[in-house]
Amino acid sequence: MIIELISAVVILAIAILFFNPGHLTMPDTIVSIMIVTMIVAYLIFAAYLLKEKASDERDSLHIMAAGRFSYLIGVAVLILGIINQGIHHDIDPWLVIVLCAMVLSKLLFRIYSRFKM
């Protein structure tokens, strides 16, 4: 679990650095290093999430609740971003693409799991 936590913190830290806090100069090499580091941290994080197994029913419920909560927070933040940018009449297409991908993947997996699991 410590590796999962460290990789999540690295992902968050790099994502915040992309906002360029303090107006730091961001040479191309630093941006490239940040991108590669973020990809590696995400792959480590995803590997641990996919390998995660519940030891009992309570643990299984905690894992499912965490997944639902993070999904709902992700969708809510994307919707708020779309609303905010809609007010300014400048909607970033990536917000809409990510929202559609999240909702469609959730829907398709629910349909798949109903018939196959």
N, C-alpha and C. Protein backbone atom coordinates (compact mmCIF):
# COMPACT_ATOMS: atom_id res chain seq x y z
N MET A 1 0.83 -1.20 0.00
CA MET A 1 0.00 0.00 0.00
C MET A 1 0.87 1.25 0.00
N ILE A 2 2.08 1.16 0.52
CA ILE A 2 2.94 2.34 0.57
C ILE A 2 3.35 2.77 -0.84
N ILE A 3 3.58 1.81 -1.74
CA ILE A 3 3.94 2.16 -3.11
C ILE A 3 2.76 2.82 -3.82
N GLU A 4 1.56 2.31 -3.56
CA GLU A 4 0.36 2.92 -4.13
C GLU A 4 0.21 4.36 -3.65
N LEU A 5 0.44 4.59 -2.37
CA LEU A 5 0.34 5.94 -1.81
C LEU A 5 1.40 6.86 -2.39
N ILE A 6 2.62 6.39 -2.49
CA ILE A 6 3.70 7.21 -3.04
C ILE A 6 3.43 7.55 -4.50
N SER A 7 2.99 6.57 -5.29
CA SER A 7 2.71 6.84 -6.70
C SER A 7 1.56 7.83 -6.85
N ALA A 8 0.54 7.75 -5.99
CA ALA A 8 -0.57 8.70 -6.05
C ALA A 8 -0.10 10.11 -5.70
N VAL A 9 0.76 10.23 -4.69
CA VAL A 9 1.30 11.55 -4.31
C VAL A 9 2.16 12.12 -5.43
N VAL A 10 2.95 11.28 -6.09
CA VAL A 10 3.77 11.74 -7.21
C VAL A 10 2.88 12.24 -8.34
N ILE A 11 1.82 11.51 -8.65
CA ILE A 11 0.90 11.94 -9.70
C ILE A 11 0.29 13.30 -9.36
N LEU A 12 -0.17 13.46 -8.13
CA LEU A 12 -0.77 14.73 -7.71
C LEU A 12 0.24 15.87 -7.74
N ALA A 13 1.45 15.61 -7.26
CA ALA A 13 2.48 16.65 -7.22
C ALA A 13 2.84 17.11 -8.63
N ILE A 14 3.00 16.17 -9.54
CA ILE A 14 3.35 16.54 -10.92
C ILE A 14 2.19 17.27 -11.59
N ALA A 15 0.97 16.83 -11.32
CA ALA A 15 -0.20 17.51 -11.90
C ALA A 15 -0.25 18.96 -11.42
N ILE A 16 0.06 19.19 -10.16
CA ILE A 16 0.08 20.56 -9.63
C ILE A 16 1.21 21.35 -10.26
N LEU A 17 2.37 20.72 -10.48
CA LEU A 17 3.50 21.42 -11.10
C LEU A 17 3.19 21.85 -12.53
N PHE A 18 2.30 21.12 -13.21
CA PHE A 18 1.92 21.52 -14.56
C PHE A 18 1.19 22.86 -14.57
N PHE A 19 0.61 23.26 -13.45
CA PHE A 19 -0.03 24.58 -13.36
C PHE A 19 1.00 25.69 -13.27
N ASN A 20 2.28 25.31 -13.11
CA ASN A 20 3.38 26.26 -13.04
C ASN A 20 3.21 27.25 -11.89
N PRO A 21 3.11 26.74 -10.65
CA PRO A 21 2.93 27.65 -9.51
C PRO A 21 4.16 28.52 -9.30
N GLY A 22 3.96 29.75 -8.94
CA GLY A 22 5.07 30.67 -8.73
C GLY A 22 5.70 31.12 -10.02
N HIS A 23 5.05 30.84 -11.13
CA HIS A 23 5.54 31.22 -12.46
C HIS A 23 6.98 30.80 -12.68
N LEU A 24 7.26 29.54 -12.37
CA LEU A 24 8.58 28.99 -12.62
C LEU A 24 8.76 28.82 -14.12
N THR A 25 9.98 28.98 -14.57
CA THR A 25 10.21 28.72 -15.99
C THR A 25 10.23 27.21 -16.18
N MET A 26 9.59 26.77 -17.23
CA MET A 26 9.48 25.34 -17.48
C MET A 26 10.14 25.00 -18.80
N PRO A 27 11.44 24.72 -18.77
CA PRO A 27 12.09 24.31 -20.02
C PRO A 27 11.51 23.00 -20.53
N ASP A 28 11.68 22.76 -21.81
CA ASP A 28 11.12 21.55 -22.42
C ASP A 28 11.63 20.27 -21.76
N THR A 29 12.88 20.26 -21.33
CA THR A 29 13.42 19.04 -20.71
C THR A 29 12.72 18.74 -19.39
N ILE A 30 12.43 19.75 -18.60
CA ILE A 30 11.74 19.53 -17.33
C ILE A 30 10.31 19.05 -17.57
N VAL A 31 9.65 19.64 -18.54
CA VAL A 31 8.29 19.21 -18.88
C VAL A 31 8.31 17.76 -19.36
N SER A 32 9.27 17.40 -20.19
CA SER A 32 9.38 16.02 -20.66
C SER A 32 9.63 15.05 -19.52
N ILE A 33 10.50 15.42 -18.59
CA ILE A 33 10.77 14.57 -17.42
C ILE A 33 9.51 14.43 -16.58
N MET A 34 8.76 15.52 -16.40
CA MET A 34 7.52 15.46 -15.63
C MET A 34 6.50 14.55 -16.29
N ILE A 35 6.40 14.61 -17.60
CA ILE A 35 5.45 13.77 -18.33
C ILE A 35 5.81 12.30 -18.17
N VAL A 36 7.08 11.96 -18.37
CA VAL A 36 7.51 10.57 -18.24
C VAL A 36 7.32 10.08 -16.81
N THR A 37 7.67 10.90 -15.83
CA THR A 37 7.51 10.52 -14.42
C THR A 37 6.04 10.31 -14.09
N MET A 38 5.16 11.16 -14.62
CA MET A 38 3.74 11.01 -14.36
C MET A 38 3.20 9.72 -14.98
N ILE A 39 3.65 9.40 -16.17
CA ILE A 39 3.20 8.17 -16.82
C ILE A 39 3.66 6.95 -16.03
N VAL A 40 4.91 6.94 -15.59
CA VAL A 40 5.43 5.81 -14.81
C VAL A 40 4.68 5.69 -13.48
N ALA A 41 4.46 6.83 -12.80
CA ALA A 41 3.73 6.79 -11.53
C ALA A 41 2.30 6.29 -11.73
N TYR A 42 1.66 6.69 -12.83
CA TYR A 42 0.30 6.22 -13.11
C TYR A 42 0.29 4.72 -13.37
N LEU A 43 1.26 4.23 -14.12
CA LEU A 43 1.31 2.80 -14.41
C LEU A 43 1.52 1.98 -13.13
N ILE A 44 2.36 2.47 -12.24
CA ILE A 44 2.57 1.79 -10.95
C ILE A 44 1.28 1.82 -10.14
N PHE A 45 0.63 2.98 -10.08
CA PHE A 45 -0.63 3.13 -9.35
C PHE A 45 -1.69 2.20 -9.92
N ALA A 46 -1.82 2.17 -11.24
CA ALA A 46 -2.82 1.31 -11.89
C ALA A 46 -2.52 -0.16 -11.64
N ALA A 47 -1.26 -0.53 -11.67
CA ALA A 47 -0.89 -1.93 -11.43
C ALA A 47 -1.30 -2.37 -10.03
N TYR A 48 -1.09 -1.51 -9.05
CA TYR A 48 -1.48 -1.87 -7.69
C TYR A 48 -3.00 -1.87 -7.51
N LEU A 49 -3.70 -0.97 -8.20
CA LEU A 49 -5.16 -0.98 -8.11
C LEU A 49 -5.75 -2.23 -8.76
N LEU A 50 -5.19 -2.65 -9.89
CA LEU A 50 -5.71 -3.83 -10.57
C LEU A 50 -5.37 -5.11 -9.81
N LYS A 51 -4.28 -5.09 -9.06
CA LYS A 51 -3.86 -6.26 -8.30
C LYS A 51 -4.57 -6.34 -6.94
N GLU A 52 -5.25 -5.28 -6.56
CA GLU A 52 -5.90 -5.19 -5.25
C GLU A 52 -6.96 -6.27 -5.08
N LYS A 53 -6.89 -6.98 -3.95
CA LYS A 53 -7.87 -8.02 -3.65
C LYS A 53 -8.37 -7.84 -2.23
N ALA A 54 -9.65 -8.06 -2.07
CA ALA A 54 -10.27 -7.92 -0.76
C ALA A 54 -10.02 -9.19 0.06
N SER A 55 -9.79 -8.99 1.36
CA SER A 55 -9.56 -10.15 2.22
C SER A 55 -10.87 -10.70 2.80
N ASP A 56 -11.88 -9.83 2.92
CA ASP A 56 -13.18 -10.27 3.41
C ASP A 56 -14.27 -9.37 2.83
N GLU A 57 -15.51 -9.59 3.25
CA GLU A 57 -16.62 -8.82 2.69
C GLU A 57 -16.54 -7.34 3.03
N ARG A 58 -16.12 -7.03 4.26
CA ARG A 58 -16.00 -5.62 4.63
C ARG A 58 -14.96 -4.91 3.79
N ASP A 59 -13.82 -5.56 3.59
CA ASP A 59 -12.77 -4.97 2.77
C ASP A 59 -13.26 -4.75 1.35
N SER A 60 -14.03 -5.70 0.83
CA SER A 60 -14.60 -5.57 -0.51
C SER A 60 -15.54 -4.37 -0.59
N LEU A 61 -16.36 -4.18 0.43
CA LEU A 61 -17.27 -3.03 0.47
C LEU A 61 -16.50 -1.72 0.54
N HIS A 62 -15.40 -1.68 1.28
CA HIS A 62 -14.59 -0.46 1.37
C HIS A 62 -13.96 -0.12 0.01
N ILE A 63 -13.48 -1.15 -0.68
CA ILE A 63 -12.88 -0.93 -2.00
C ILE A 63 -13.94 -0.41 -2.98
N MET A 64 -15.12 -1.02 -2.97
CA MET A 64 -16.19 -0.57 -3.88
C MET A 64 -16.65 0.85 -3.53
N ALA A 65 -16.75 1.15 -2.25
CA ALA A 65 -17.18 2.50 -1.84
C ALA A 65 -16.14 3.54 -2.26
N ALA A 66 -14.87 3.22 -2.12
CA ALA A 66 -13.81 4.15 -2.54
C ALA A 66 -13.88 4.38 -4.05
N GLY A 67 -14.13 3.33 -4.81
CA GLY A 67 -14.25 3.47 -6.26
C GLY A 67 -15.44 4.33 -6.66
N ARG A 68 -16.57 4.09 -6.03
CA ARG A 68 -17.77 4.89 -6.33
C ARG A 68 -17.56 6.35 -5.96
N PHE A 69 -16.99 6.58 -4.79
CA PHE A 69 -16.79 7.96 -4.33
C PHE A 69 -15.83 8.70 -5.25
N SER A 70 -14.73 8.06 -5.63
CA SER A 70 -13.77 8.73 -6.51
C SER A 70 -14.37 8.97 -7.89
N TYR A 71 -15.19 8.04 -8.38
CA TYR A 71 -15.85 8.23 -9.66
C TYR A 71 -16.80 9.43 -9.61
N LEU A 72 -17.62 9.49 -8.56
CA LEU A 72 -18.58 10.60 -8.44
C LEU A 72 -17.87 11.94 -8.29
N ILE A 73 -16.79 11.97 -7.53
CA ILE A 73 -16.03 13.22 -7.39
C ILE A 73 -15.42 13.62 -8.73
N GLY A 74 -14.88 12.65 -9.47
CA GLY A 74 -14.31 12.95 -10.79
C GLY A 74 -15.34 13.51 -11.74
N VAL A 75 -16.51 12.89 -11.79
CA VAL A 75 -17.59 13.37 -12.66
C VAL A 75 -18.05 14.76 -12.22
N ALA A 76 -18.19 14.98 -10.91
CA ALA A 76 -18.64 16.28 -10.41
C ALA A 76 -17.63 17.38 -10.77
N VAL A 77 -16.35 17.10 -10.62
CA VAL A 77 -15.34 18.11 -10.94
C VAL A 77 -15.34 18.41 -12.44
N LEU A 78 -15.49 17.39 -13.27
CA LEU A 78 -15.56 17.63 -14.71
C LEU A 78 -16.79 18.45 -15.08
N ILE A 79 -17.93 18.14 -14.47
CA ILE A 79 -19.14 18.91 -14.75
C ILE A 79 -18.98 20.36 -14.30
N LEU A 80 -18.39 20.57 -13.14
CA LEU A 80 -18.13 21.95 -12.68
C LEU A 80 -17.19 22.67 -13.64
N GLY A 81 -16.18 21.97 -14.15
CA GLY A 81 -15.27 22.58 -15.12
C GLY A 81 -15.99 22.96 -16.40
N ILE A 82 -16.87 22.08 -16.87
CA ILE A 82 -17.63 22.37 -18.09
C ILE A 82 -18.57 23.54 -17.86
N ILE A 83 -19.23 23.58 -16.71
CA ILE A 83 -20.12 24.71 -16.40
C ILE A 83 -19.34 26.01 -16.32
N ASN A 84 -18.20 25.97 -15.61
CA ASN A 84 -17.38 27.18 -15.47
C ASN A 84 -16.90 27.68 -16.83
N GLN A 85 -16.42 26.77 -17.67
CA GLN A 85 -15.96 27.20 -18.98
C GLN A 85 -17.12 27.56 -19.89
N GLY A 86 -18.29 26.95 -19.68
CA GLY A 86 -19.47 27.32 -20.46
C GLY A 86 -19.91 28.75 -20.17
N ILE A 87 -19.77 29.16 -18.92
CA ILE A 87 -20.10 30.54 -18.56
C ILE A 87 -19.20 31.52 -19.30
N HIS A 88 -17.95 31.14 -19.50
CA HIS A 88 -16.98 31.99 -20.21
C HIS A 88 -16.97 31.74 -21.71
N HIS A 89 -17.87 30.87 -22.19
CA HIS A 89 -18.02 30.55 -23.61
C HIS A 89 -16.72 30.03 -24.23
N ASP A 90 -15.98 29.21 -23.46
CA ASP A 90 -14.73 28.64 -23.97
C ASP A 90 -14.55 27.25 -23.36
N ILE A 91 -15.30 26.28 -23.85
CA ILE A 91 -15.27 24.93 -23.28
C ILE A 91 -14.11 24.14 -23.89
N ASP A 92 -13.27 23.61 -23.02
CA ASP A 92 -12.16 22.76 -23.45
C ASP A 92 -12.73 21.40 -23.85
N PRO A 93 -12.49 20.96 -25.07
CA PRO A 93 -13.06 19.69 -25.51
C PRO A 93 -12.59 18.50 -24.67
N TRP A 94 -11.42 18.58 -24.06
CA TRP A 94 -10.91 17.47 -23.25
C TRP A 94 -11.79 17.21 -22.04
N LEU A 95 -12.38 18.26 -21.48
CA LEU A 95 -13.28 18.04 -20.34
C LEU A 95 -14.48 17.20 -20.76
N VAL A 96 -15.03 17.52 -21.90
CA VAL A 96 -16.21 16.78 -22.40
C VAL A 96 -15.80 15.36 -22.78
N ILE A 97 -14.64 15.20 -23.42
CA ILE A 97 -14.18 13.87 -23.83
C ILE A 97 -13.96 12.98 -22.61
N VAL A 98 -13.31 13.52 -21.58
CA VAL A 98 -13.04 12.72 -20.37
C VAL A 98 -14.35 12.38 -19.65
N LEU A 99 -15.26 13.32 -19.56
CA LEU A 99 -16.55 13.05 -18.92
C LEU A 99 -17.30 11.95 -19.67
N CYS A 100 -17.34 12.05 -21.00
CA CYS A 100 -18.01 11.03 -21.79
C CYS A 100 -17.32 9.67 -21.63
N ALA A 101 -16.00 9.65 -21.61
CA ALA A 101 -15.26 8.39 -21.45
C ALA A 101 -15.56 7.76 -20.10
N MET A 102 -15.61 8.57 -19.04
CA MET A 102 -15.90 8.04 -17.71
C MET A 102 -17.30 7.46 -17.64
N VAL A 103 -18.27 8.22 -18.11
CA VAL A 103 -19.66 7.78 -18.02
C VAL A 103 -19.90 6.55 -18.91
N LEU A 104 -19.38 6.58 -20.14
CA LEU A 104 -19.57 5.44 -21.04
C LEU A 104 -18.86 4.18 -20.53
N SER A 105 -17.66 4.34 -19.99
CA SER A 105 -16.96 3.15 -19.49
C SER A 105 -17.69 2.55 -18.30
N LYS A 106 -18.22 3.39 -17.44
CA LYS A 106 -19.00 2.91 -16.29
C LYS A 106 -20.24 2.17 -16.78
N LEU A 107 -20.96 2.76 -17.73
CA LEU A 107 -22.17 2.16 -18.26
C LEU A 107 -21.88 0.84 -18.97
N LEU A 108 -20.86 0.83 -19.83
CA LEU A 108 -20.54 -0.38 -20.57
C LEU A 108 -20.07 -1.51 -19.65
N PHE A 109 -19.29 -1.19 -18.63
CA PHE A 109 -18.85 -2.24 -17.72
C PHE A 109 -20.01 -2.78 -16.90
N ARG A 110 -20.95 -1.92 -16.53
CA ARG A 110 -22.13 -2.40 -15.80
C ARG A 110 -22.95 -3.35 -16.68
N ILE A 111 -23.12 -3.00 -17.94
CA ILE A 111 -23.86 -3.87 -18.86
C ILE A 111 -23.11 -5.19 -19.04
N TYR A 112 -21.80 -5.11 -19.25
CA TYR A 112 -20.99 -6.32 -19.42
C TYR A 112 -21.05 -7.20 -18.16
N SER A 113 -20.90 -6.58 -16.99
CA SER A 113 -20.88 -7.38 -15.77
C SER A 113 -22.25 -8.02 -15.48
N ARG A 114 -23.32 -7.40 -15.92
CA ARG A 114 -24.65 -7.97 -15.71
C ARG A 114 -24.83 -9.27 -16.50
N PHE A 115 -24.25 -9.31 -17.70
CA PHE A 115 -24.43 -10.48 -18.55
C PHE A 115 -23.32 -11.52 -18.43
N LYS A 116 -22.13 -11.11 -18.04
CA LYS A 116 -21.00 -12.03 -18.05
C LYS A 116 -20.51 -12.44 -16.66
N MET A 117 -20.87 -11.74 -15.63
CA MET A 117 -20.33 -12.07 -14.29
C MET A 117 -21.38 -12.63 -13.40
